[in-house]
Amino acid sequence: MKFKSVLAVAAAFCVTHMAPLFAQTDPYPSKPIRLIVPFPPGGGSDPVARVIAKGLSERLGQQVFVDNRPGGQGAVGSAVAAKSPADGYTLLLFVGALVADPWVSKNQLYDPVKDFSFITQVTHQPSLAVVGPHVRAANLKEFIALAKAKPDTLTFGYGSVSGQLTGALLAQLTGIKIVPVPYKGAAPIMTDLVGGVIDLAFASPPSSIPLVKAGKLQGLTVVGPRRLAGLPEVGTSAESGVPEFVVDAWYAVAAPANTPPAVVAKLNAEIRQVIHSPAAQEILTAAGMEGRVNSPQEITKYVATEYLRWGAIVKAAGIKPE
């Protein structure tokens, strides 16, 4: 009888204490991770995706592979990520301009605020306002004066939502009237700007600094709080009297909404180490970017704030969804 009692106690112990051990899943990650990049290969997102994929693969011991899903200026790939399982095995390289999409697109495929668990910001990069050599303005203050003297005459080219809204923001803050001209990409904008077809553009530093140094374009202002190391003679918006004219081109890493907090926290910690590594800093600096990381709470709040900010800009500019 005593022997049977001992067996009963042992069996009860196993049911109570051992079963949860067998119910546990494999530690994360236990298989390869997909990093969706919502743009085609060869663009500005390439160096960021390469840094994250390589660094995480080394640190996590699992392959992180890049999956380019272009279309709809980032909307197609972002929608694929949003609808993927929230298990930490699908990530998205989230581009800051995506927060404005709901305000300018009729057929929205995802909600940039509600459909993602944000992990961390990874880079930021200010825009550079540049004009063609035919425009008689050496800085933003002179361009504003010229635009006020010739309302609805000066043009600015844009090839993305962010470029369009940057021009709208400048007009709102300064009271000038400039004419938007849509393009299909950055390359034709630069060609027409150099050729005098359009007057103004907001470009990435890597694509525009060489043209400014060669005398083919004139740098008006850094659309950000600090001067650029590669072009120290060009002032900032604040130095031209428009401190609110700040537009950051940034990338973040996100996962589908409701991804387990423990997974988000682990990825945040690992990506921090990746971005802070000398190898990553070298690649990002060469691409004209600065590494920047923050907590999941901070990036989530920033996305929500940017979403509301661009919504107000769109409404004030009278831009209609297309």
Protein backbone atom coordinates (compact mmCIF):
# COMPACT_ATOMS: atom_id res chain seq x y z
CA MET A 1 0.00 0.00 0.00
CA LYS A 2 2.83 2.35 0.82
CA PHE A 3 4.45 1.58 -2.53
CA LYS A 4 1.26 2.50 -4.38
CA SER A 5 1.04 5.76 -2.42
CA VAL A 6 4.56 6.66 -3.43
CA LEU A 7 3.71 5.99 -7.08
CA ALA A 8 0.61 8.13 -6.82
CA VAL A 9 2.56 11.03 -5.35
CA ALA A 10 5.24 10.69 -8.04
CA ALA A 11 2.62 10.63 -10.78
CA ALA A 12 0.95 13.73 -9.37
CA PHE A 13 4.31 15.51 -9.23
CA CYS A 14 4.98 14.73 -12.88
CA VAL A 15 1.58 15.99 -13.98
CA THR A 16 1.95 19.20 -11.98
CA HIS A 17 5.62 20.03 -12.57
CA MET A 18 6.90 18.17 -15.59
CA ALA A 19 4.04 18.71 -18.08
CA PRO A 20 4.72 22.47 -18.49
CA LEU A 21 8.31 21.66 -19.42
CA PHE A 22 7.20 19.45 -22.28
CA ALA A 23 4.61 22.05 -23.33
CA GLN A 24 7.24 24.75 -23.79
CA THR A 25 8.12 25.68 -27.37
CA ASP A 26 11.62 25.95 -28.74
CA PRO A 27 13.47 29.12 -27.71
CA TYR A 28 13.20 32.02 -30.15
CA PRO A 29 14.45 31.98 -32.81
CA SER A 30 14.43 28.34 -33.87
CA LYS A 31 14.19 28.88 -37.63
CA PRO A 32 15.12 31.50 -40.29
CA ILE A 33 13.59 34.99 -40.10
CA ARG A 34 12.26 36.94 -43.08
CA LEU A 35 12.96 40.69 -43.34
CA ILE A 36 10.52 42.22 -45.82
CA VAL A 37 11.82 45.28 -47.66
CA PRO A 38 8.88 46.97 -49.45
CA PHE A 39 11.05 48.35 -52.25
CA PRO A 40 13.01 46.84 -55.16
CA PRO A 41 16.67 45.88 -54.77
CA GLY A 42 19.25 48.56 -55.45
CA GLY A 43 17.54 51.45 -53.65
CA GLY A 44 18.31 53.44 -50.54
CA SER A 45 16.91 50.69 -48.30
CA ASP A 46 19.58 48.20 -49.42
CA PRO A 47 22.40 49.19 -47.03
CA VAL A 48 20.03 49.28 -44.05
CA ALA A 49 18.53 45.89 -44.86
CA ARG A 50 21.97 44.40 -45.42
CA VAL A 51 23.26 45.68 -42.07
CA ILE A 52 20.27 44.32 -40.15
CA ALA A 53 20.08 40.95 -41.92
CA LYS A 54 23.79 40.23 -41.59
CA GLY A 55 24.09 41.48 -38.02
CA LEU A 56 21.03 39.64 -36.72
CA SER A 57 22.02 36.43 -38.50
CA GLU A 58 25.34 36.47 -36.67
CA ARG A 59 23.88 37.36 -33.28
CA LEU A 60 20.81 35.10 -33.33
CA GLY A 61 22.41 32.05 -34.91
CA GLN A 62 19.63 31.86 -37.49
CA GLN A 63 19.58 33.18 -41.03
CA VAL A 64 17.77 36.49 -41.51
CA PHE A 65 17.04 36.78 -45.22
CA VAL A 66 15.85 39.84 -47.14
CA ASP A 67 12.59 39.50 -49.06
CA ASN A 68 12.06 42.45 -51.46
CA ARG A 69 8.34 43.06 -52.04
CA PRO A 70 8.05 46.29 -54.08
CA GLY A 71 4.88 48.02 -55.21
CA GLY A 72 2.61 50.90 -54.28
CA GLN A 73 5.50 53.03 -52.94
CA GLY A 74 6.00 50.53 -50.13
CA ALA A 75 2.36 49.64 -49.50
CA VAL A 76 2.41 46.14 -51.04
CA GLY A 77 5.29 44.76 -48.99
CA SER A 78 4.06 46.47 -45.84
CA ALA A 79 0.64 44.85 -46.25
CA VAL A 80 2.28 41.43 -46.65
CA ALA A 81 4.16 41.97 -43.39
CA ALA A 82 1.07 43.24 -41.56
CA LYS A 83 -0.90 40.09 -42.49
CA SER A 84 1.87 37.63 -41.59
CA PRO A 85 1.79 35.53 -38.40
CA ALA A 86 2.76 37.52 -35.30
CA ASP A 87 5.43 35.04 -34.24
CA GLY A 88 8.64 37.02 -34.75
CA TYR A 89 9.62 35.23 -37.96
CA THR A 90 8.47 38.02 -40.28
CA LEU A 91 9.90 41.51 -39.87
CA LEU A 92 9.44 44.68 -41.90
CA LEU A 93 11.92 47.39 -42.75
CA PHE A 94 9.50 50.25 -42.11
CA VAL A 95 10.14 53.51 -43.94
CA GLY A 96 9.08 56.72 -42.20
CA ALA A 97 7.17 58.00 -45.23
CA LEU A 98 4.71 55.12 -44.85
CA VAL A 99 3.01 56.90 -41.94
CA ALA A 100 1.61 59.46 -44.40
CA ASP A 101 0.13 56.92 -46.84
CA PRO A 102 -3.36 56.74 -45.29
CA TRP A 103 -3.75 60.46 -45.82
CA VAL A 104 -2.90 60.43 -49.55
CA SER A 105 -4.05 57.01 -50.73
CA LYS A 106 -7.66 55.94 -51.26
CA ASN A 107 -6.94 52.22 -51.33
CA GLN A 108 -5.08 51.70 -48.08
CA LEU A 109 -3.80 48.15 -47.65
CA TYR A 110 -2.77 48.48 -44.00
CA ASP A 111 -2.83 50.80 -41.00
CA PRO A 112 0.71 52.02 -40.22
CA VAL A 113 -0.14 52.67 -36.58
CA LYS A 114 -2.35 49.71 -35.62
CA ASP A 115 -1.05 46.86 -37.78
CA PHE A 116 2.51 46.64 -36.45
CA SER A 117 4.48 45.99 -33.29
CA PHE A 118 7.37 48.44 -33.61
CA ILE A 119 10.73 47.19 -32.40
CA THR A 120 13.14 50.11 -32.85
CA GLN A 121 14.16 52.90 -35.15
CA VAL A 122 17.45 52.08 -36.88
CA THR A 123 18.50 55.12 -38.94
CA HIS A 124 17.67 58.70 -39.75
CA GLN A 125 18.73 61.04 -42.51
CA PRO A 126 17.77 64.68 -43.14
CA SER A 127 16.77 65.86 -46.59
CA LEU A 128 18.71 68.50 -48.47
CA ALA A 129 16.80 71.23 -50.29
CA VAL A 130 18.56 71.97 -53.58
CA VAL A 131 17.89 74.25 -56.55
CA GLY A 132 19.19 74.35 -60.09
CA PRO A 133 21.98 76.80 -61.01
CA HIS A 134 19.44 78.97 -62.84
CA VAL A 135 17.67 79.85 -59.56
CA ARG A 136 19.06 83.03 -58.02
CA ALA A 137 18.99 81.94 -54.39
CA ALA A 138 22.00 80.98 -52.30
CA ASN A 139 20.03 79.83 -49.25
CA LEU A 140 16.50 79.10 -48.04
CA LYS A 141 15.87 82.68 -46.93
CA GLU A 142 16.65 83.99 -50.41
CA PHE A 143 14.50 81.28 -52.04
CA ILE A 144 11.54 82.22 -49.84
CA ALA A 145 11.90 85.87 -50.85
CA LEU A 146 12.10 84.87 -54.51
CA ALA A 147 9.02 82.66 -54.23
CA LYS A 148 7.02 85.42 -52.55
CA ALA A 149 7.96 87.80 -55.34
CA LYS A 150 6.87 85.24 -57.96
CA PRO A 151 3.92 83.27 -56.50
CA ASP A 152 2.83 80.10 -58.36
CA THR A 153 5.88 80.35 -60.62
CA LEU A 154 8.65 78.31 -59.00
CA THR A 155 8.32 74.52 -59.21
CA PHE A 156 9.47 71.61 -57.07
CA GLY A 157 9.79 68.02 -58.21
CA TYR A 158 8.82 65.04 -56.10
CA GLY A 159 8.92 61.29 -56.67
CA SER A 160 7.42 60.09 -53.40
CA VAL A 161 4.83 60.97 -50.80
CA SER A 162 7.52 62.33 -48.50
CA GLY A 163 8.85 64.66 -51.21
CA GLN A 164 5.38 65.93 -51.98
CA LEU A 165 4.59 66.60 -48.33
CA THR A 166 7.95 68.23 -47.65
CA GLY A 167 7.13 70.82 -50.31
CA ALA A 168 3.66 71.28 -48.85
CA LEU A 169 5.13 71.78 -45.39
CA LEU A 170 7.55 74.44 -46.61
CA ALA A 171 4.70 76.29 -48.30
CA GLN A 172 2.57 76.17 -45.16
CA LEU A 173 5.31 77.38 -42.85
CA THR A 174 6.47 80.26 -45.04
CA GLY A 175 3.34 81.30 -46.92
CA ILE A 176 4.93 80.79 -50.34
CA LYS A 177 3.15 79.28 -53.34
CA ILE A 178 5.25 76.76 -55.27
CA VAL A 179 4.01 74.35 -57.93
CA PRO A 180 4.43 70.57 -57.35
CA VAL A 181 5.59 68.47 -60.30
CA PRO A 182 5.31 64.66 -59.91
CA TYR A 183 8.05 62.29 -61.11
CA LYS A 184 8.48 58.53 -61.08
CA GLY A 185 11.80 58.59 -59.26
CA ALA A 186 14.73 60.58 -57.91
CA ALA A 187 17.00 60.22 -60.95
CA PRO A 188 14.80 62.14 -63.43
CA ILE A 189 14.23 64.83 -60.80
CA MET A 190 17.96 65.44 -60.50
CA THR A 191 18.33 65.48 -64.30
CA ASP A 192 15.59 68.07 -64.75
CA LEU A 193 16.82 70.13 -61.82
CA VAL A 194 20.32 70.37 -63.30
CA GLY A 195 18.79 71.11 -66.70
CA GLY A 196 16.59 73.94 -65.43
CA VAL A 197 13.27 72.22 -66.12
CA ILE A 198 12.24 72.48 -62.46
CA ASP A 199 13.52 74.78 -59.74
CA LEU A 200 13.58 72.94 -56.40
CA ALA A 201 13.82 69.42 -55.00
CA PHE A 202 14.27 67.70 -51.65
CA ALA A 203 16.92 65.04 -52.07
CA SER A 204 18.93 62.60 -50.02
CA PRO A 205 22.43 63.83 -49.15
CA PRO A 206 24.25 60.97 -50.95
CA SER A 207 22.50 61.73 -54.25
CA SER A 208 22.74 65.52 -54.08
CA ILE A 209 26.02 66.38 -52.31
CA PRO A 210 28.23 65.38 -55.28
CA LEU A 211 26.15 67.59 -57.59
CA VAL A 212 26.38 70.53 -55.18
CA LYS A 213 30.15 70.13 -54.86
CA ALA A 214 30.44 69.96 -58.66
CA GLY A 215 28.56 73.26 -58.97
CA LYS A 216 25.64 71.69 -60.83
CA LEU A 217 23.20 72.37 -57.99
CA GLN A 218 22.96 74.90 -55.16
CA GLY A 219 22.28 73.67 -51.64
CA LEU A 220 19.61 75.80 -49.95
CA THR A 221 19.22 74.19 -46.55
CA VAL A 222 19.47 71.03 -44.54
CA VAL A 223 15.88 70.07 -43.68
CA GLY A 224 16.95 69.10 -40.19
CA PRO A 225 18.48 70.40 -36.97
CA ARG A 226 22.19 70.03 -37.80
CA ARG A 227 24.52 70.84 -40.69
CA LEU A 228 25.89 67.95 -42.73
CA ALA A 229 29.50 66.92 -42.28
CA GLY A 230 29.79 66.40 -46.02
CA LEU A 231 28.45 69.87 -46.82
CA PRO A 232 29.22 72.10 -43.81
CA GLU A 233 28.73 75.37 -45.69
CA VAL A 234 24.97 74.78 -46.14
CA GLY A 235 22.92 76.01 -43.18
CA THR A 236 19.88 74.53 -41.50
CA SER A 237 16.22 75.51 -41.68
CA ALA A 238 16.45 77.10 -38.25
CA GLU A 239 19.35 79.26 -39.40
CA SER A 240 17.12 80.55 -42.21
CA GLY A 241 14.33 81.41 -39.78
CA VAL A 242 12.12 78.33 -40.30
CA PRO A 243 12.94 76.05 -37.32
CA GLU A 244 9.77 73.97 -37.77
CA PHE A 245 10.87 72.88 -41.24
CA VAL A 246 12.31 69.52 -40.21
CA VAL A 247 11.74 66.31 -42.15
CA ASP A 248 13.57 63.16 -41.17
CA ALA A 249 13.92 60.27 -43.59
CA TRP A 250 14.09 57.29 -41.25
CA TYR A 251 13.88 53.53 -41.10
CA ALA A 252 12.57 51.30 -38.34
CA VAL A 253 12.10 47.58 -37.83
CA ALA A 254 8.57 46.37 -37.16
CA ALA A 255 6.73 43.07 -36.79
CA PRO A 256 3.04 42.23 -37.24
CA ALA A 257 0.79 43.57 -34.49
CA ASN A 258 0.54 41.48 -31.33
CA THR A 259 3.98 39.92 -31.69
CA PRO A 260 4.89 38.61 -28.19
CA PRO A 261 6.52 41.31 -26.05
CA ALA A 262 9.39 38.98 -25.15
CA VAL A 263 10.23 38.56 -28.83
CA VAL A 264 10.04 42.30 -29.43
CA ALA A 265 12.32 42.94 -26.45
CA LYS A 266 14.86 40.37 -27.63
CA LEU A 267 14.94 41.79 -31.14
CA ASN A 268 15.26 45.32 -29.78
CA ALA A 269 18.29 44.33 -27.69
CA GLU A 270 19.97 42.52 -30.57
CA ILE A 271 19.32 45.24 -33.16
CA ARG A 272 20.79 47.81 -30.78
CA GLN A 273 24.02 45.84 -30.74
CA VAL A 274 23.98 45.50 -34.52
CA ILE A 275 23.47 49.23 -35.19
CA HIS A 276 26.12 50.22 -32.64
CA SER A 277 28.74 47.95 -34.19
CA PRO A 278 31.64 49.61 -36.06
CA ALA A 279 30.85 47.60 -39.22
CA ALA A 280 27.27 48.87 -39.31
CA GLN A 281 28.31 52.45 -38.58
CA GLU A 282 30.76 52.37 -41.47
CA ILE A 283 28.14 51.12 -43.95
CA LEU A 284 25.45 53.56 -42.81
CA THR A 285 27.81 56.55 -42.83
CA ALA A 286 28.89 55.70 -46.37
CA ALA A 287 25.20 55.75 -47.34
CA GLY A 288 24.73 59.19 -45.76
CA MET A 289 22.76 57.89 -42.79
CA GLU A 290 23.16 57.92 -39.03
CA GLY A 291 22.29 54.97 -36.84
CA ARG A 292 19.60 55.67 -34.26
CA VAL A 293 17.95 53.17 -31.93
CA ASN A 294 15.27 53.54 -29.26
CA SER A 295 12.84 51.47 -27.22
CA PRO A 296 9.68 49.84 -28.61
CA GLN A 297 7.63 52.35 -26.61
CA GLU A 298 9.55 55.33 -27.99
CA ILE A 299 9.31 54.31 -31.64
CA THR A 300 5.62 53.44 -31.24
CA LYS A 301 4.90 56.90 -29.82
CA TYR A 302 7.00 58.56 -32.55
CA VAL A 303 5.09 56.75 -35.32
CA ALA A 304 1.74 57.83 -33.86
CA THR A 305 2.94 61.44 -33.55
CA GLU A 306 4.28 61.52 -37.12
CA TYR A 307 1.02 60.02 -38.40
CA LEU A 308 -0.99 62.86 -36.88
CA ARG A 309 1.53 65.52 -37.94
CA TRP A 310 1.45 64.52 -41.61
CA GLY A 311 -2.33 64.20 -41.53
CA ALA A 312 -2.58 67.84 -40.45
CA ILE A 313 -0.13 68.88 -43.18
CA VAL A 314 -2.11 67.03 -45.86
CA LYS A 315 -5.40 68.57 -44.76
CA ALA A 316 -3.96 72.09 -44.58
CA ALA A 317 -2.45 71.71 -48.05
CA GLY A 318 -5.74 70.49 -49.51
CA ILE A 319 -4.10 67.34 -50.92
CA LYS A 320 -6.74 64.82 -51.95
CA PRO A 321 -6.27 61.04 -51.68
CA GLU A 322 -5.60 59.38 -55.02
